[in-house]
Amino acid sequence: MESLIVPSVLLGYGIVGIESQTLLSLNNQVKEELKEHAGEQFSADDISQYVPFLSVYGLNAMGVQGKHSFRDRTLILGTAYLVMGITVNTLKRTIPVQRPDGVGMNSFPSGHTATAFMGAEFLMQEYKDQSIWYGVAGYAVAAGTGFLRMYNDRHWITDVAAGAGIGILSTKIAYWLYPWMHRWVFRNASGLDGAIMPYYVPGDAGLQVILHL
């Protein structure tokens, strides 16, 4: 359970920061500091949020094998993305926080940061047995994404901290759920590396579910 300490602290920091005057003051201090040194805004965070989890597939395509097969890792990623997406969007709808630039009341938490850290933990889990540096690189990109969200005046530091915690926890939850999800999703696949897909057969009344190998 030690692996939950860091993401839990990050998420807790973000939640406490919604009401804590001390942390709200720190939010404004960080904003002003960044504004003082800010130049032209960068939109790289719109792309960098996806880099960590796409790197898993890129490394595999280059012959660097991860922990799971394409099918299984995609199941894990899909589960993590679902958990992360539901959590982020639920919080955005239920906890209105104005963005630093004043545009919108959906600042908390940072979805870009959550996506980036979800992918970084995914990269770490898949390739930590190959080299820890793959995961370190992923986390560096994720941290850079969070920084750019603040630099571009789109999020407070508490938003970014909470997003990072949610992203990491979502991936950890996905790996815990993986054995059950694997049995449920592929229970009819008999261990074959295929996919269950809807397929339309002309003349029939609807769709048939067919296993494609």
N, C-alpha and C. Protein backbone atom coordinates (compact mmCIF):
# COMPACT_ATOMS: atom_id res chain seq x y z
N MET A 1 0.82 -1.21 0.00
CA MET A 1 0.00 0.00 0.00
C MET A 1 0.86 1.27 0.00
N GLU A 2 2.17 1.11 0.14
CA GLU A 2 3.05 2.26 0.13
C GLU A 2 2.98 3.01 -1.19
N SER A 3 2.67 2.28 -2.27
CA SER A 3 2.61 2.91 -3.59
C SER A 3 1.46 3.90 -3.70
N LEU A 4 0.53 3.86 -2.73
CA LEU A 4 -0.61 4.77 -2.76
C LEU A 4 -0.34 6.08 -2.03
N ILE A 5 0.77 6.15 -1.31
CA ILE A 5 1.03 7.32 -0.48
C ILE A 5 1.16 8.59 -1.32
N VAL A 6 2.03 8.56 -2.33
CA VAL A 6 2.28 9.77 -3.14
C VAL A 6 1.03 10.25 -3.86
N PRO A 7 0.34 9.37 -4.63
CA PRO A 7 -0.86 9.87 -5.32
C PRO A 7 -1.96 10.32 -4.36
N SER A 8 -2.07 9.65 -3.20
CA SER A 8 -3.08 10.04 -2.22
C SER A 8 -2.77 11.41 -1.63
N VAL A 9 -1.49 11.67 -1.37
CA VAL A 9 -1.08 12.98 -0.85
C VAL A 9 -1.35 14.07 -1.89
N LEU A 10 -1.05 13.79 -3.16
CA LEU A 10 -1.29 14.76 -4.22
C LEU A 10 -2.78 15.10 -4.34
N LEU A 11 -3.60 14.05 -4.34
CA LEU A 11 -5.05 14.26 -4.43
C LEU A 11 -5.57 14.99 -3.20
N GLY A 12 -5.09 14.58 -2.03
CA GLY A 12 -5.51 15.24 -0.79
C GLY A 12 -5.12 16.70 -0.76
N TYR A 13 -3.93 17.01 -1.25
CA TYR A 13 -3.48 18.40 -1.32
C TYR A 13 -4.43 19.23 -2.17
N GLY A 14 -4.80 18.66 -3.32
CA GLY A 14 -5.70 19.37 -4.21
C GLY A 14 -7.06 19.61 -3.60
N ILE A 15 -7.59 18.60 -2.92
CA ILE A 15 -8.92 18.73 -2.30
C ILE A 15 -8.90 19.72 -1.15
N VAL A 16 -7.89 19.62 -0.29
CA VAL A 16 -7.78 20.56 0.85
C VAL A 16 -7.60 21.98 0.33
N GLY A 17 -6.89 22.10 -0.79
CA GLY A 17 -6.62 23.43 -1.34
C GLY A 17 -7.83 24.15 -1.86
N ILE A 18 -8.95 23.47 -2.00
CA ILE A 18 -10.18 24.13 -2.46
C ILE A 18 -10.68 25.14 -1.43
N GLU A 19 -10.47 24.82 -0.13
CA GLU A 19 -10.99 25.67 0.95
C GLU A 19 -9.89 26.31 1.80
N SER A 20 -8.69 25.74 1.79
CA SER A 20 -7.62 26.23 2.64
C SER A 20 -7.12 27.60 2.17
N GLN A 21 -7.20 28.60 3.02
CA GLN A 21 -6.73 29.94 2.67
C GLN A 21 -5.23 29.96 2.41
N THR A 22 -4.51 29.14 3.14
CA THR A 22 -3.06 29.07 2.94
C THR A 22 -2.72 28.55 1.55
N LEU A 23 -3.39 27.48 1.15
CA LEU A 23 -3.10 26.90 -0.16
C LEU A 23 -3.67 27.75 -1.29
N LEU A 24 -4.81 28.42 -1.03
CA LEU A 24 -5.35 29.33 -2.03
C LEU A 24 -4.41 30.51 -2.25
N SER A 25 -3.79 30.97 -1.16
CA SER A 25 -2.81 32.04 -1.27
C SER A 25 -1.59 31.59 -2.06
N LEU A 26 -1.18 30.33 -1.82
CA LEU A 26 -0.05 29.78 -2.57
C LEU A 26 -0.40 29.66 -4.05
N ASN A 27 -1.65 29.29 -4.34
CA ASN A 27 -2.10 29.25 -5.73
C ASN A 27 -1.84 30.58 -6.42
N ASN A 28 -2.25 31.65 -5.76
CA ASN A 28 -2.10 32.98 -6.34
C ASN A 28 -0.64 33.41 -6.44
N GLN A 29 0.17 33.01 -5.48
CA GLN A 29 1.59 33.33 -5.51
C GLN A 29 2.26 32.66 -6.70
N VAL A 30 1.93 31.38 -6.92
CA VAL A 30 2.51 30.65 -8.05
C VAL A 30 2.05 31.28 -9.37
N LYS A 31 0.76 31.63 -9.43
CA LYS A 31 0.23 32.27 -10.64
C LYS A 31 0.98 33.56 -10.94
N GLU A 32 1.16 34.40 -9.94
CA GLU A 32 1.83 35.68 -10.15
C GLU A 32 3.29 35.49 -10.52
N GLU A 33 3.93 34.49 -9.92
CA GLU A 33 5.34 34.22 -10.24
C GLU A 33 5.48 33.77 -11.69
N LEU A 34 4.59 32.91 -12.12
CA LEU A 34 4.63 32.43 -13.50
C LEU A 34 4.29 33.57 -14.47
N LYS A 35 3.33 34.39 -14.08
CA LYS A 35 2.93 35.51 -14.94
C LYS A 35 4.07 36.50 -15.12
N GLU A 36 4.86 36.65 -14.06
CA GLU A 36 5.98 37.59 -14.10
C GLU A 36 7.05 37.15 -15.09
N HIS A 37 7.21 35.83 -15.23
CA HIS A 37 8.25 35.30 -16.11
C HIS A 37 7.70 34.71 -17.40
N ALA A 38 6.39 34.78 -17.57
CA ALA A 38 5.77 34.14 -18.72
C ALA A 38 5.99 34.95 -19.99
N GLY A 39 6.14 34.24 -21.09
CA GLY A 39 6.22 34.86 -22.40
C GLY A 39 5.04 34.38 -23.21
N GLU A 40 5.32 33.92 -24.41
CA GLU A 40 4.26 33.39 -25.26
C GLU A 40 3.78 32.04 -24.73
N GLN A 41 2.47 31.81 -24.78
CA GLN A 41 1.92 30.55 -24.30
C GLN A 41 2.26 29.42 -25.26
N PHE A 42 2.38 28.20 -24.69
CA PHE A 42 2.68 27.01 -25.48
C PHE A 42 1.49 26.06 -25.41
N SER A 43 1.10 25.52 -26.54
CA SER A 43 -0.01 24.57 -26.57
C SER A 43 0.47 23.13 -26.60
N ALA A 44 1.76 22.93 -26.27
CA ALA A 44 2.33 21.58 -26.32
C ALA A 44 1.64 20.64 -25.36
N ASP A 45 1.03 21.17 -24.28
CA ASP A 45 0.37 20.32 -23.30
C ASP A 45 -0.83 19.58 -23.88
N ASP A 46 -1.42 20.13 -24.95
CA ASP A 46 -2.53 19.44 -25.60
C ASP A 46 -2.08 18.12 -26.24
N ILE A 47 -0.80 18.05 -26.58
CA ILE A 47 -0.23 16.84 -27.18
C ILE A 47 0.53 16.02 -26.16
N SER A 48 1.29 16.70 -25.31
CA SER A 48 2.17 15.98 -24.37
C SER A 48 1.39 15.12 -23.38
N GLN A 49 0.12 15.46 -23.14
CA GLN A 49 -0.67 14.65 -22.21
C GLN A 49 -0.81 13.19 -22.68
N TYR A 50 -0.74 12.98 -24.00
CA TYR A 50 -0.91 11.64 -24.55
C TYR A 50 0.42 10.89 -24.76
N VAL A 51 1.53 11.61 -24.69
CA VAL A 51 2.83 11.03 -25.01
C VAL A 51 3.18 9.83 -24.14
N PRO A 52 3.00 9.89 -22.81
CA PRO A 52 3.42 8.74 -21.99
C PRO A 52 2.74 7.43 -22.36
N PHE A 53 1.40 7.42 -22.52
CA PHE A 53 0.76 6.13 -22.80
C PHE A 53 0.97 5.71 -24.25
N LEU A 54 1.11 6.66 -25.17
CA LEU A 54 1.41 6.29 -26.56
C LEU A 54 2.81 5.71 -26.68
N SER A 55 3.70 6.11 -25.78
CA SER A 55 5.07 5.59 -25.79
C SER A 55 5.11 4.09 -25.55
N VAL A 56 4.14 3.58 -24.79
CA VAL A 56 4.07 2.14 -24.54
C VAL A 56 3.93 1.38 -25.86
N TYR A 57 3.04 1.89 -26.71
CA TYR A 57 2.81 1.24 -28.00
C TYR A 57 3.97 1.50 -28.96
N GLY A 58 4.57 2.68 -28.85
CA GLY A 58 5.73 2.99 -29.68
C GLY A 58 6.91 2.10 -29.37
N LEU A 59 7.17 1.90 -28.09
CA LEU A 59 8.28 1.03 -27.68
C LEU A 59 8.04 -0.40 -28.14
N ASN A 60 6.81 -0.86 -27.99
CA ASN A 60 6.48 -2.22 -28.43
C ASN A 60 6.66 -2.36 -29.94
N ALA A 61 6.28 -1.33 -30.69
CA ALA A 61 6.44 -1.37 -32.14
C ALA A 61 7.91 -1.43 -32.54
N MET A 62 8.78 -0.88 -31.68
CA MET A 62 10.22 -0.91 -31.96
C MET A 62 10.88 -2.18 -31.44
N GLY A 63 10.08 -3.10 -30.90
CA GLY A 63 10.60 -4.38 -30.46
C GLY A 63 10.94 -4.47 -28.99
N VAL A 64 10.65 -3.42 -28.23
CA VAL A 64 10.90 -3.44 -26.79
C VAL A 64 9.62 -3.96 -26.12
N GLN A 65 9.65 -5.19 -25.67
CA GLN A 65 8.46 -5.84 -25.15
C GLN A 65 8.13 -5.39 -23.73
N GLY A 66 6.88 -5.04 -23.52
CA GLY A 66 6.42 -4.67 -22.19
C GLY A 66 5.91 -5.87 -21.42
N LYS A 67 5.23 -5.62 -20.32
CA LYS A 67 4.78 -6.69 -19.43
C LYS A 67 3.62 -7.49 -20.03
N HIS A 68 2.74 -6.80 -20.78
CA HIS A 68 1.54 -7.46 -21.28
C HIS A 68 1.46 -7.41 -22.81
N SER A 69 0.61 -8.26 -23.36
CA SER A 69 0.37 -8.27 -24.79
C SER A 69 -0.39 -7.02 -25.20
N PHE A 70 -0.48 -6.77 -26.50
CA PHE A 70 -1.21 -5.61 -27.01
C PHE A 70 -2.64 -5.62 -26.50
N ARG A 71 -3.29 -6.77 -26.57
CA ARG A 71 -4.67 -6.88 -26.15
C ARG A 71 -4.85 -6.57 -24.67
N ASP A 72 -3.99 -7.16 -23.84
CA ASP A 72 -4.14 -7.00 -22.40
C ASP A 72 -3.77 -5.59 -21.95
N ARG A 73 -2.72 -5.03 -22.54
CA ARG A 73 -2.34 -3.68 -22.13
C ARG A 73 -3.41 -2.66 -22.56
N THR A 74 -4.05 -2.94 -23.69
CA THR A 74 -5.11 -2.05 -24.15
C THR A 74 -6.32 -2.13 -23.22
N LEU A 75 -6.60 -3.31 -22.70
CA LEU A 75 -7.67 -3.47 -21.73
C LEU A 75 -7.35 -2.68 -20.46
N ILE A 76 -6.11 -2.76 -20.01
CA ILE A 76 -5.69 -2.04 -18.81
C ILE A 76 -5.79 -0.53 -19.04
N LEU A 77 -5.28 -0.08 -20.18
CA LEU A 77 -5.32 1.35 -20.49
C LEU A 77 -6.76 1.85 -20.59
N GLY A 78 -7.61 1.07 -21.24
CA GLY A 78 -9.01 1.46 -21.37
C GLY A 78 -9.69 1.58 -20.01
N THR A 79 -9.38 0.65 -19.10
CA THR A 79 -9.95 0.70 -17.75
C THR A 79 -9.46 1.93 -17.00
N ALA A 80 -8.14 2.19 -17.10
CA ALA A 80 -7.56 3.35 -16.43
C ALA A 80 -8.17 4.64 -16.96
N TYR A 81 -8.33 4.71 -18.28
CA TYR A 81 -8.88 5.92 -18.90
C TYR A 81 -10.33 6.14 -18.45
N LEU A 82 -11.07 5.04 -18.34
CA LEU A 82 -12.47 5.13 -17.90
C LEU A 82 -12.55 5.63 -16.46
N VAL A 83 -11.75 5.05 -15.57
CA VAL A 83 -11.75 5.46 -14.16
C VAL A 83 -11.34 6.92 -14.05
N MET A 84 -10.27 7.27 -14.76
CA MET A 84 -9.77 8.65 -14.70
C MET A 84 -10.80 9.63 -15.25
N GLY A 85 -11.37 9.31 -16.41
CA GLY A 85 -12.33 10.21 -17.05
C GLY A 85 -13.57 10.44 -16.20
N ILE A 86 -14.11 9.37 -15.63
CA ILE A 86 -15.30 9.50 -14.78
C ILE A 86 -14.99 10.35 -13.55
N THR A 87 -13.84 10.09 -12.93
CA THR A 87 -13.46 10.82 -11.72
C THR A 87 -13.27 12.31 -12.01
N VAL A 88 -12.50 12.61 -13.05
CA VAL A 88 -12.21 14.00 -13.39
C VAL A 88 -13.49 14.77 -13.73
N ASN A 89 -14.32 14.19 -14.59
CA ASN A 89 -15.52 14.90 -15.04
C ASN A 89 -16.55 15.04 -13.93
N THR A 90 -16.62 14.04 -13.04
CA THR A 90 -17.53 14.15 -11.89
C THR A 90 -17.11 15.30 -10.98
N LEU A 91 -15.81 15.39 -10.70
CA LEU A 91 -15.31 16.46 -9.83
C LEU A 91 -15.48 17.83 -10.48
N LYS A 92 -15.23 17.90 -11.79
CA LYS A 92 -15.40 19.18 -12.49
C LYS A 92 -16.84 19.68 -12.41
N ARG A 93 -17.79 18.75 -12.44
CA ARG A 93 -19.20 19.12 -12.42
C ARG A 93 -19.72 19.43 -11.02
N THR A 94 -19.10 18.81 -10.01
CA THR A 94 -19.61 18.96 -8.64
C THR A 94 -18.84 19.96 -7.80
N ILE A 95 -17.60 20.31 -8.21
CA ILE A 95 -16.79 21.26 -7.45
C ILE A 95 -16.40 22.40 -8.37
N PRO A 96 -17.22 23.44 -8.44
CA PRO A 96 -16.93 24.56 -9.34
C PRO A 96 -15.76 25.41 -8.84
N VAL A 97 -14.71 25.45 -9.62
CA VAL A 97 -13.54 26.28 -9.31
C VAL A 97 -13.20 27.08 -10.56
N GLN A 98 -13.12 28.38 -10.41
CA GLN A 98 -12.82 29.23 -11.57
C GLN A 98 -11.38 29.05 -12.02
N ARG A 99 -11.19 29.00 -13.32
CA ARG A 99 -9.84 28.88 -13.86
C ARG A 99 -9.05 30.16 -13.60
N PRO A 100 -7.73 30.06 -13.55
CA PRO A 100 -6.91 31.25 -13.31
C PRO A 100 -7.13 32.36 -14.33
N ASP A 101 -7.43 31.98 -15.58
CA ASP A 101 -7.65 33.00 -16.61
C ASP A 101 -9.08 33.51 -16.59
N GLY A 102 -9.90 33.03 -15.67
CA GLY A 102 -11.27 33.50 -15.53
C GLY A 102 -12.26 32.91 -16.51
N VAL A 103 -11.79 32.00 -17.37
CA VAL A 103 -12.65 31.42 -18.40
C VAL A 103 -13.13 30.04 -17.93
N GLY A 104 -14.34 29.95 -17.42
CA GLY A 104 -14.90 28.67 -17.02
C GLY A 104 -14.79 28.41 -15.53
N MET A 105 -15.69 27.57 -15.04
CA MET A 105 -15.73 27.19 -13.63
C MET A 105 -15.44 25.70 -13.47
N ASN A 106 -14.62 25.17 -14.35
CA ASN A 106 -14.31 23.74 -14.32
C ASN A 106 -12.81 23.50 -14.20
N SER A 107 -12.17 24.29 -13.36
CA SER A 107 -10.71 24.21 -13.24
C SER A 107 -10.24 22.96 -12.49
N PHE A 108 -11.02 22.53 -11.50
CA PHE A 108 -10.59 21.42 -10.64
C PHE A 108 -11.25 20.11 -11.05
N PRO A 109 -10.45 19.06 -11.23
CA PRO A 109 -8.98 19.01 -11.31
C PRO A 109 -8.51 19.18 -12.75
N SER A 110 -7.22 19.12 -12.99
CA SER A 110 -6.69 19.25 -14.34
C SER A 110 -6.79 17.93 -15.10
N GLY A 111 -7.62 17.91 -16.14
CA GLY A 111 -7.77 16.69 -16.94
C GLY A 111 -6.54 16.36 -17.75
N HIS A 112 -5.87 17.39 -18.29
CA HIS A 112 -4.64 17.16 -19.04
C HIS A 112 -3.59 16.47 -18.15
N THR A 113 -3.45 17.00 -16.94
CA THR A 113 -2.47 16.44 -16.01
C THR A 113 -2.84 15.02 -15.61
N ALA A 114 -4.13 14.78 -15.37
CA ALA A 114 -4.58 13.43 -15.01
C ALA A 114 -4.27 12.44 -16.13
N THR A 115 -4.52 12.84 -17.37
CA THR A 115 -4.23 11.96 -18.51
C THR A 115 -2.74 11.67 -18.61
N ALA A 116 -1.92 12.71 -18.43
CA ALA A 116 -0.47 12.55 -18.54
C ALA A 116 0.07 11.61 -17.46
N PHE A 117 -0.38 11.79 -16.21
CA PHE A 117 0.14 10.95 -15.12
C PHE A 117 -0.45 9.54 -15.17
N MET A 118 -1.65 9.40 -15.68
CA MET A 118 -2.20 8.07 -15.92
C MET A 118 -1.29 7.32 -16.89
N GLY A 119 -0.90 8.00 -17.97
CA GLY A 119 -0.01 7.39 -18.96
C GLY A 119 1.38 7.12 -18.43
N ALA A 120 1.88 8.03 -17.58
CA ALA A 120 3.21 7.84 -17.01
C ALA A 120 3.27 6.60 -16.11
N GLU A 121 2.24 6.42 -15.30
CA GLU A 121 2.20 5.22 -14.44
C GLU A 121 2.02 3.96 -15.28
N PHE A 122 1.24 4.07 -16.35
CA PHE A 122 1.05 2.95 -17.29
C PHE A 122 2.39 2.56 -17.92
N LEU A 123 3.14 3.55 -18.36
CA LEU A 123 4.47 3.31 -18.94
C LEU A 123 5.41 2.69 -17.90
N MET A 124 5.35 3.19 -16.68
CA MET A 124 6.19 2.65 -15.62
C MET A 124 5.86 1.18 -15.35
N GLN A 125 4.59 0.87 -15.24
CA GLN A 125 4.18 -0.49 -14.92
C GLN A 125 4.56 -1.47 -16.03
N GLU A 126 4.42 -1.04 -17.28
CA GLU A 126 4.70 -1.94 -18.40
C GLU A 126 6.19 -2.15 -18.63
N TYR A 127 7.02 -1.16 -18.29
CA TYR A 127 8.43 -1.24 -18.67
C TYR A 127 9.42 -1.12 -17.52
N LYS A 128 8.94 -1.13 -16.28
CA LYS A 128 9.87 -1.00 -15.16
C LYS A 128 10.81 -2.19 -15.05
N ASP A 129 10.39 -3.36 -15.54
CA ASP A 129 11.28 -4.53 -15.50
C ASP A 129 12.34 -4.46 -16.59
N GLN A 130 12.09 -3.68 -17.64
CA GLN A 130 13.08 -3.47 -18.70
C GLN A 130 14.09 -2.41 -18.26
N SER A 131 13.58 -1.27 -17.85
CA SER A 131 14.42 -0.19 -17.34
C SER A 131 13.53 0.82 -16.63
N ILE A 132 13.96 1.24 -15.46
CA ILE A 132 13.21 2.23 -14.69
C ILE A 132 13.15 3.56 -15.40
N TRP A 133 14.11 3.78 -16.32
CA TRP A 133 14.21 5.08 -16.97
C TRP A 133 13.08 5.35 -17.95
N TYR A 134 12.43 4.32 -18.44
CA TYR A 134 11.25 4.54 -19.27
C TYR A 134 10.17 5.26 -18.45
N GLY A 135 9.95 4.75 -17.26
CA GLY A 135 8.96 5.36 -16.39
C GLY A 135 9.36 6.75 -15.94
N VAL A 136 10.64 6.94 -15.66
CA VAL A 136 11.13 8.26 -15.25
C VAL A 136 10.88 9.28 -16.36
N ALA A 137 11.16 8.87 -17.60
CA ALA A 137 10.92 9.76 -18.74
C ALA A 137 9.44 10.10 -18.87
N GLY A 138 8.59 9.10 -18.66
CA GLY A 138 7.15 9.33 -18.73
C GLY A 138 6.68 10.32 -17.67
N TYR A 139 7.22 10.17 -16.47
CA TYR A 139 6.83 11.07 -15.39
C TYR A 139 7.37 12.48 -15.62
N ALA A 140 8.53 12.59 -16.28
CA ALA A 140 9.08 13.91 -16.61
C ALA A 140 8.16 14.63 -17.60
N VAL A 141 7.65 13.89 -18.59
CA VAL A 141 6.72 14.48 -19.56
C VAL A 141 5.43 14.88 -18.86
N ALA A 142 4.95 14.03 -17.95
CA ALA A 142 3.71 14.33 -17.23
C ALA A 142 3.88 15.57 -16.36
N ALA A 143 5.02 15.69 -15.68
CA ALA A 143 5.28 16.86 -14.85
C ALA A 143 5.35 18.12 -15.72
N GLY A 144 5.96 17.98 -16.89
CA GLY A 144 6.03 19.11 -17.82
C GLY A 144 4.64 19.53 -18.28
N THR A 145 3.77 18.56 -18.49
CA THR A 145 2.40 18.85 -18.89
C THR A 145 1.68 19.64 -17.80
N GLY A 146 1.84 19.20 -16.57
CA GLY A 146 1.22 19.92 -15.45
C GLY A 146 1.76 21.34 -15.32
N PHE A 147 3.06 21.50 -15.50
CA PHE A 147 3.65 22.83 -15.43
C PHE A 147 3.09 23.75 -16.52
N LEU A 148 2.95 23.22 -17.73
CA LEU A 148 2.41 24.03 -18.82
C LEU A 148 0.96 24.44 -18.59
N ARG A 149 0.19 23.58 -17.90
CA ARG A 149 -1.19 23.96 -17.58
C ARG A 149 -1.22 25.19 -16.67
N MET A 150 -0.24 25.29 -15.78
CA MET A 150 -0.14 26.47 -14.93
C MET A 150 0.48 27.64 -15.68
N TYR A 151 1.49 27.38 -16.46
CA TYR A 151 2.17 28.42 -17.24
C TYR A 151 1.21 29.08 -18.22
N ASN A 152 0.32 28.28 -18.79
CA ASN A 152 -0.65 28.80 -19.75
C ASN A 152 -1.88 29.41 -19.06
N ASP A 153 -1.83 29.50 -17.72
CA ASP A 153 -2.88 30.13 -16.94
C ASP A 153 -4.22 29.41 -17.03
N ARG A 154 -4.15 28.09 -17.19
CA ARG A 154 -5.38 27.30 -17.30
C ARG A 154 -5.72 26.57 -16.01
N HIS A 155 -4.72 26.40 -15.13
CA HIS A 155 -4.97 25.66 -13.89
C HIS A 155 -4.13 26.21 -12.75
N TRP A 156 -4.67 26.00 -11.53
CA TRP A 156 -3.95 26.29 -10.30
C TRP A 156 -3.07 25.09 -9.95
N ILE A 157 -2.13 25.31 -9.06
CA ILE A 157 -1.25 24.21 -8.65
C ILE A 157 -2.06 23.11 -7.95
N THR A 158 -3.13 23.48 -7.22
CA THR A 158 -3.96 22.47 -6.57
C THR A 158 -4.70 21.60 -7.60
N ASP A 159 -5.10 22.20 -8.73
CA ASP A 159 -5.74 21.45 -9.81
C ASP A 159 -4.77 20.41 -10.38
N VAL A 160 -3.54 20.86 -10.57
CA VAL A 160 -2.52 20.00 -11.16
C VAL A 160 -2.15 18.85 -10.21
N ALA A 161 -2.01 19.19 -8.92
CA ALA A 161 -1.69 18.15 -7.93
C ALA A 161 -2.78 17.09 -7.88
N ALA A 162 -4.03 17.53 -7.84
CA ALA A 162 -5.15 16.58 -7.80
C ALA A 162 -5.20 15.75 -9.07
N GLY A 163 -4.98 16.39 -10.23
CA GLY A 163 -4.98 15.65 -11.49
C GLY A 163 -3.91 14.58 -11.52
N ALA A 164 -2.72 14.92 -11.02
CA ALA A 164 -1.63 13.94 -10.97
C ALA A 164 -2.01 12.75 -10.09
N GLY A 165 -2.57 13.04 -8.92
CA GLY A 165 -2.98 11.96 -8.02
C GLY A 165 -4.04 11.07 -8.63
N ILE A 166 -5.02 11.68 -9.28
CA ILE A 166 -6.09 10.90 -9.91
C ILE A 166 -5.54 10.03 -11.03
N GLY A 167 -4.65 10.60 -11.83
CA GLY A 167 -4.08 9.84 -12.94
C GLY A 167 -3.33 8.60 -12.49
N ILE A 168 -2.47 8.78 -11.48
CA ILE A 168 -1.69 7.65 -10.97
C ILE A 168 -2.61 6.60 -10.35
N LEU A 169 -3.54 7.04 -9.52
CA LEU A 169 -4.45 6.11 -8.85
C LEU A 169 -5.31 5.35 -9.87
N SER A 170 -5.72 6.02 -10.94
CA SER A 170 -6.56 5.37 -11.96
C SER A 170 -5.83 4.19 -12.59
N THR A 171 -4.56 4.38 -12.89
CA THR A 171 -3.78 3.29 -13.49
C THR A 171 -3.57 2.16 -12.49
N LYS A 172 -3.28 2.50 -11.25
CA LYS A 172 -3.10 1.46 -10.23
C LYS A 172 -4.38 0.65 -10.06
N ILE A 173 -5.52 1.32 -10.05
CA ILE A 173 -6.81 0.64 -9.95
C ILE A 173 -7.01 -0.29 -11.14
N ALA A 174 -6.64 0.18 -12.33
CA ALA A 174 -6.80 -0.63 -13.54
C ALA A 174 -5.98 -1.91 -13.46
N TYR A 175 -4.77 -1.83 -12.94
CA TYR A 175 -3.94 -3.04 -12.80
C TYR A 175 -4.51 -3.99 -11.74
N TRP A 176 -5.10 -3.44 -10.70
CA TRP A 176 -5.74 -4.30 -9.69
C TRP A 176 -6.96 -5.00 -10.27
N LEU A 177 -7.70 -4.28 -11.12
CA LEU A 177 -8.91 -4.85 -11.72
C LEU A 177 -8.61 -5.77 -12.90
N TYR A 178 -7.40 -5.70 -13.41
CA TYR A 178 -7.07 -6.43 -14.65
C TYR A 178 -7.40 -7.92 -14.61
N PRO A 179 -7.04 -8.68 -13.58
CA PRO A 179 -7.36 -10.12 -13.61
C PRO A 179 -8.86 -10.38 -13.76
N TRP A 180 -9.68 -9.62 -13.04
CA TRP A 180 -11.13 -9.78 -13.14
C TRP A 180 -11.64 -9.33 -14.50
N MET A 181 -11.14 -8.18 -14.99
CA MET A 181 -11.56 -7.66 -16.29
C MET A 181 -11.15 -8.62 -17.41
N HIS A 182 -9.98 -9.22 -17.27
CA HIS A 182 -9.50 -10.16 -18.29
C HIS A 182 -10.43 -11.36 -18.38
N ARG A 183 -10.82 -11.90 -17.23
CA ARG A 183 -11.72 -13.05 -17.23
C ARG A 183 -13.09 -12.68 -17.80
N TRP A 184 -13.56 -11.48 -17.46
CA TRP A 184 -14.90 -11.06 -17.90
C TRP A 184 -14.95 -10.74 -19.39
N VAL A 185 -13.97 -9.98 -19.87
CA VAL A 185 -13.97 -9.54 -21.27
C VAL A 185 -13.63 -10.68 -22.22
N PHE A 186 -12.68 -11.51 -21.82
CA PHE A 186 -12.19 -12.55 -22.72
C PHE A 186 -12.61 -13.96 -22.29
N ARG A 187 -13.71 -14.05 -21.57
CA ARG A 187 -14.12 -15.35 -21.04
C ARG A 187 -14.45 -16.35 -22.15
N ASN A 188 -14.82 -15.84 -23.33
CA ASN A 188 -15.15 -16.74 -24.44
C ASN A 188 -14.01 -16.91 -25.44
N ALA A 189 -12.88 -16.26 -25.14
CA ALA A 189 -11.78 -16.28 -26.11
C ALA A 189 -10.88 -17.49 -25.95
N SER A 190 -11.01 -18.25 -24.85
CA SER A 190 -10.22 -19.46 -24.61
C SER A 190 -8.73 -19.21 -24.71
N GLY A 191 -8.31 -18.03 -24.27
CA GLY A 191 -6.89 -17.74 -24.25
C GLY A 191 -6.32 -17.31 -25.58
N LEU A 192 -7.14 -17.24 -26.63
CA LEU A 192 -6.64 -16.84 -27.94
C LEU A 192 -6.47 -15.33 -28.00
N ASP A 193 -5.46 -14.88 -28.74
CA ASP A 193 -5.18 -13.46 -28.83
C ASP A 193 -6.04 -12.85 -29.92
N GLY A 194 -7.32 -12.69 -29.64
CA GLY A 194 -8.24 -12.15 -30.63
C GLY A 194 -9.05 -11.03 -30.01
N ALA A 195 -10.15 -10.71 -30.65
CA ALA A 195 -10.99 -9.64 -30.15
C ALA A 195 -12.44 -9.97 -30.44
N ILE A 196 -13.31 -9.62 -29.53
CA ILE A 196 -14.74 -9.83 -29.72
C ILE A 196 -15.32 -8.55 -30.31
N MET A 197 -15.85 -8.65 -31.52
CA MET A 197 -16.33 -7.47 -32.22
C MET A 197 -17.72 -7.70 -32.81
N PRO A 198 -18.55 -6.64 -32.86
CA PRO A 198 -19.85 -6.77 -33.51
C PRO A 198 -19.67 -6.86 -35.02
N TYR A 199 -20.42 -7.72 -35.66
CA TYR A 199 -20.26 -7.93 -37.10
C TYR A 199 -21.63 -8.08 -37.74
N TYR A 200 -21.91 -7.32 -38.79
CA TYR A 200 -23.21 -7.36 -39.44
C TYR A 200 -23.23 -8.42 -40.54
N VAL A 201 -24.20 -9.29 -40.47
CA VAL A 201 -24.37 -10.33 -41.47
C VAL A 201 -25.60 -10.00 -42.31
N PRO A 202 -25.44 -9.76 -43.62
CA PRO A 202 -26.59 -9.39 -44.47
C PRO A 202 -27.70 -10.43 -44.39
N GLY A 203 -28.92 -9.93 -44.27
CA GLY A 203 -30.07 -10.82 -44.24
C GLY A 203 -30.53 -11.14 -42.84
N ASP A 204 -29.64 -10.92 -41.85
CA ASP A 204 -30.02 -11.17 -40.47
C ASP A 204 -30.71 -9.94 -39.88
N ALA A 205 -31.34 -10.12 -38.77
CA ALA A 205 -32.12 -9.06 -38.17
C ALA A 205 -31.26 -8.02 -37.45
N GLY A 206 -30.04 -8.34 -37.17
CA GLY A 206 -29.22 -7.39 -36.42
C GLY A 206 -27.75 -7.75 -36.47
N LEU A 207 -27.07 -7.48 -35.35
CA LEU A 207 -25.65 -7.71 -35.26
C LEU A 207 -25.36 -9.05 -34.61
N GLN A 208 -24.29 -9.68 -35.05
CA GLN A 208 -23.81 -10.88 -34.39
C GLN A 208 -22.46 -10.57 -33.76
N VAL A 209 -22.16 -11.20 -32.64
CA VAL A 209 -20.87 -11.02 -32.02
C VAL A 209 -19.98 -12.20 -32.43
N ILE A 210 -18.88 -11.89 -33.10
CA ILE A 210 -18.01 -12.91 -33.65
C ILE A 210 -16.59 -12.68 -33.16
N LEU A 211 -15.88 -13.72 -32.82
CA LEU A 211 -14.51 -13.64 -32.38
C LEU A 211 -13.61 -13.61 -33.60
N HIS A 212 -12.88 -12.49 -33.79
CA HIS A 212 -11.92 -12.38 -34.88
C HIS A 212 -10.53 -12.67 -34.35
N LEU A 213 -9.83 -13.61 -34.97
CA LEU A 213 -8.47 -13.97 -34.54
C LEU A 213 -7.45 -13.20 -35.34
